[in-house]
């Protein structure tokens, strides 16, 4: 079980009715902020790095050290589920992540 308390600041991405729309909106916002997001996996947690073009492994394959290097996580799984971008307190949000989703 992953302790998400390291990332208490939450940016929600709501499900709007179409399959996977919350996930697609979250991915688009993260990439628009020039950040990187890892691929989805069975855990429902994806690593986020505040830099463009970083290749991130699936959460289940990251070592504890690699997980600690993540600047945040995208949490949520399922085609009709909300997503939550979780970040450390004090993170300055890029404009792309401040838009209402």
C-alpha atoms as a PDB file:
ATOM      1  CA  UNK A   1       0.000   0.000   0.000  1.00  0.00           C
ATOM      2  CA  UNK A   2       1.367   3.393  -0.998  1.00  0.00           C
ATOM      3  CA  UNK A   3       1.280   6.194   1.561  1.00  0.00           C
ATOM      4  CA  UNK A   4      -0.071   9.222  -0.312  1.00  0.00           C
ATOM      5  CA  UNK A   5       0.402  11.636   2.611  1.00  0.00           C
ATOM      6  CA  UNK A   6       3.578  12.957   0.948  1.00  0.00           C
ATOM      7  CA  UNK A   7       1.297  14.567  -1.649  1.00  0.00           C
ATOM      8  CA  UNK A   8      -1.585  16.267   0.250  1.00  0.00           C
ATOM      9  CA  UNK A   9      -2.368  18.999  -2.322  1.00  0.00           C
ATOM     10  CA  UNK A  10      -5.071  17.686  -4.682  1.00  0.00           C
ATOM     11  CA  UNK A  11      -6.046  18.811  -8.181  1.00  0.00           C
ATOM     12  CA  UNK A  12      -9.249  16.970  -9.207  1.00  0.00           C
ATOM     13  CA  UNK A  13     -10.185  15.832 -12.690  1.00  0.00           C
ATOM     14  CA  UNK A  14     -13.859  14.908 -12.756  1.00  0.00           C
ATOM     15  CA  UNK A  15     -15.473  12.225 -14.868  1.00  0.00           C
ATOM     16  CA  UNK A  16     -17.713  13.888 -17.434  1.00  0.00           C
ATOM     17  CA  UNK A  17     -19.660  10.950 -18.801  1.00  0.00           C
ATOM     18  CA  UNK A  18     -17.470   9.537 -21.571  1.00  0.00           C
ATOM     19  CA  UNK A  19     -15.157   6.574 -21.044  1.00  0.00           C
ATOM     20  CA  UNK A  20     -11.721   7.615 -19.796  1.00  0.00           C
ATOM     21  CA  UNK A  21     -12.423  11.370 -20.055  1.00  0.00           C
ATOM     22  CA  UNK A  22     -11.071  12.181 -16.569  1.00  0.00           C
ATOM     23  CA  UNK A  23      -7.854  10.313 -17.356  1.00  0.00           C
ATOM     24  CA  UNK A  24      -7.476  11.997 -20.744  1.00  0.00           C
ATOM     25  CA  UNK A  25      -8.111  15.453 -19.247  1.00  0.00           C
ATOM     26  CA  UNK A  26      -5.556  14.823 -16.503  1.00  0.00           C
ATOM     27  CA  UNK A  27      -2.926  13.591 -18.975  1.00  0.00           C
ATOM     28  CA  UNK A  28      -3.529  16.566 -21.271  1.00  0.00           C
ATOM     29  CA  UNK A  29      -3.252  19.072 -18.407  1.00  0.00           C
ATOM     30  CA  UNK A  30      -0.067  17.480 -17.070  1.00  0.00           C
ATOM     31  CA  UNK A  31       1.544  17.517 -20.505  1.00  0.00           C
ATOM     32  CA  UNK A  32       0.352  21.095 -21.155  1.00  0.00           C
ATOM     33  CA  UNK A  33       2.205  22.056 -17.978  1.00  0.00           C
ATOM     34  CA  UNK A  34       5.380  20.529 -19.512  1.00  0.00           C
ATOM     35  CA  UNK A  35       5.355  17.776 -16.907  1.00  0.00           C
ATOM     36  CA  UNK A  36       5.591  14.016 -17.481  1.00  0.00           C
ATOM     37  CA  UNK A  37       3.263  11.246 -16.331  1.00  0.00           C
ATOM     38  CA  UNK A  38       3.907   7.512 -16.172  1.00  0.00           C
ATOM     39  CA  UNK A  39       1.706   4.824 -17.727  1.00  0.00           C
ATOM     40  CA  UNK A  40      -1.332   3.412 -15.978  1.00  0.00           C
ATOM     41  CA  UNK A  41      -1.165   0.101 -14.151  1.00  0.00           C
ATOM     42  CA  UNK A  42      -3.209  -2.086 -11.818  1.00  0.00           C
ATOM     43  CA  UNK A  43      -2.349   0.033  -8.749  1.00  0.00           C
ATOM     44  CA  UNK A  44      -4.218   3.097 -10.058  1.00  0.00           C
ATOM     45  CA  UNK A  45      -1.178   5.267  -9.243  1.00  0.00           C
ATOM     46  CA  UNK A  46       1.007   6.973 -11.850  1.00  0.00           C
ATOM     47  CA  UNK A  47       4.216   8.867 -11.157  1.00  0.00           C
ATOM     48  CA  UNK A  48       4.447  12.541 -12.168  1.00  0.00           C
ATOM     49  CA  UNK A  49       7.707  14.447 -12.760  1.00  0.00           C
ATOM     50  CA  UNK A  50       7.773  18.249 -13.150  1.00  0.00           C
ATOM     51  CA  UNK A  51       9.859  18.130 -16.333  1.00  0.00           C
ATOM     52  CA  UNK A  52       8.932  17.408 -19.959  1.00  0.00           C
ATOM     53  CA  UNK A  53       9.827  14.210 -21.782  1.00  0.00           C
ATOM     54  CA  UNK A  54      10.755  12.077 -18.780  1.00  0.00           C
ATOM     55  CA  UNK A  55      10.028   8.379 -19.259  1.00  0.00           C
ATOM     56  CA  UNK A  56       8.506   6.989 -16.081  1.00  0.00           C
ATOM     57  CA  UNK A  57       7.946   3.281 -15.460  1.00  0.00           C
ATOM     58  CA  UNK A  58       4.690   1.850 -14.178  1.00  0.00           C
ATOM     59  CA  UNK A  59       4.240   2.577 -10.467  1.00  0.00           C
ATOM     60  CA  UNK A  60       4.375  -1.120  -9.548  1.00  0.00           C
ATOM     61  CA  UNK A  61       7.817  -1.366 -11.193  1.00  0.00           C
ATOM     62  CA  UNK A  62       9.364   1.699  -9.522  1.00  0.00           C
ATOM     63  CA  UNK A  63      11.733   1.164  -6.609  1.00  0.00           C
ATOM     64  CA  UNK A  64      11.031   3.008  -3.346  1.00  0.00           C
ATOM     65  CA  UNK A  65      13.838   5.417  -4.253  1.00  0.00           C
ATOM     66  CA  UNK A  66      12.333   6.125  -7.683  1.00  0.00           C
ATOM     67  CA  UNK A  67       8.898   6.654  -6.150  1.00  0.00           C
ATOM     68  CA  UNK A  68      10.412   9.163  -3.716  1.00  0.00           C
ATOM     69  CA  UNK A  69      11.840  11.120  -6.682  1.00  0.00           C
ATOM     70  CA  UNK A  70       8.367  11.705  -8.149  1.00  0.00           C
ATOM     71  CA  UNK A  71       7.094  15.268  -7.823  1.00  0.00           C
ATOM     72  CA  UNK A  72       3.536  14.003  -7.540  1.00  0.00           C
ATOM     73  CA  UNK A  73       1.171  11.176  -8.410  1.00  0.00           C
ATOM     74  CA  UNK A  74      -1.949  10.812 -10.528  1.00  0.00           C
ATOM     75  CA  UNK A  75      -4.416   8.594  -8.677  1.00  0.00           C
ATOM     76  CA  UNK A  76      -7.534   6.812  -9.922  1.00  0.00           C
ATOM     77  CA  UNK A  77      -8.421   3.820 -12.019  1.00  0.00           C
ATOM     78  CA  UNK A  78     -11.240   2.638 -14.189  1.00  0.00           C
ATOM     79  CA  UNK A  79     -12.842   4.072 -17.274  1.00  0.00           C
ATOM     80  CA  UNK A  80     -15.529   5.983 -15.405  1.00  0.00           C
ATOM     81  CA  UNK A  81     -13.551   7.134 -12.374  1.00  0.00           C
ATOM     82  CA  UNK A  82     -12.360  10.571 -11.314  1.00  0.00           C
ATOM     83  CA  UNK A  83      -8.624  11.264 -11.227  1.00  0.00           C
ATOM     84  CA  UNK A  84      -6.716  13.205  -8.592  1.00  0.00           C
ATOM     85  CA  UNK A  85      -3.321  14.803  -9.161  1.00  0.00           C
ATOM     86  CA  UNK A  86      -1.640  14.817  -5.757  1.00  0.00           C
ATOM     87  CA  UNK A  87       1.294  17.159  -5.113  1.00  0.00           C
ATOM     88  CA  UNK A  88       3.373  18.317  -2.131  1.00  0.00           C
ATOM     89  CA  UNK A  89       2.177  21.368  -0.204  1.00  0.00           C
ATOM     90  CA  UNK A  90       3.790  24.509  -1.576  1.00  0.00           C
ATOM     91  CA  UNK A  91       3.925  23.275  -5.170  1.00  0.00           C
ATOM     92  CA  UNK A  92       3.499  26.192  -7.543  1.00  0.00           C
ATOM     93  CA  UNK A  93       0.919  25.087 -10.067  1.00  0.00           C
ATOM     94  CA  UNK A  94       1.534  25.927 -13.714  1.00  0.00           C
ATOM     95  CA  UNK A  95      -1.444  27.701 -15.354  1.00  0.00           C
ATOM     96  CA  UNK A  96      -2.353  24.517 -17.252  1.00  0.00           C
ATOM     97  CA  UNK A  97      -3.120  22.807 -13.940  1.00  0.00           C
ATOM     98  CA  UNK A  98      -5.114  25.691 -12.456  1.00  0.00           C
ATOM     99  CA  UNK A  99      -7.920  25.470 -15.016  1.00  0.00           C
ATOM    100  CA  UNK A 100     -11.183  23.900 -13.848  1.00  0.00           C
ATOM    101  CA  UNK A 101     -11.370  20.318 -14.997  1.00  0.00           C
END
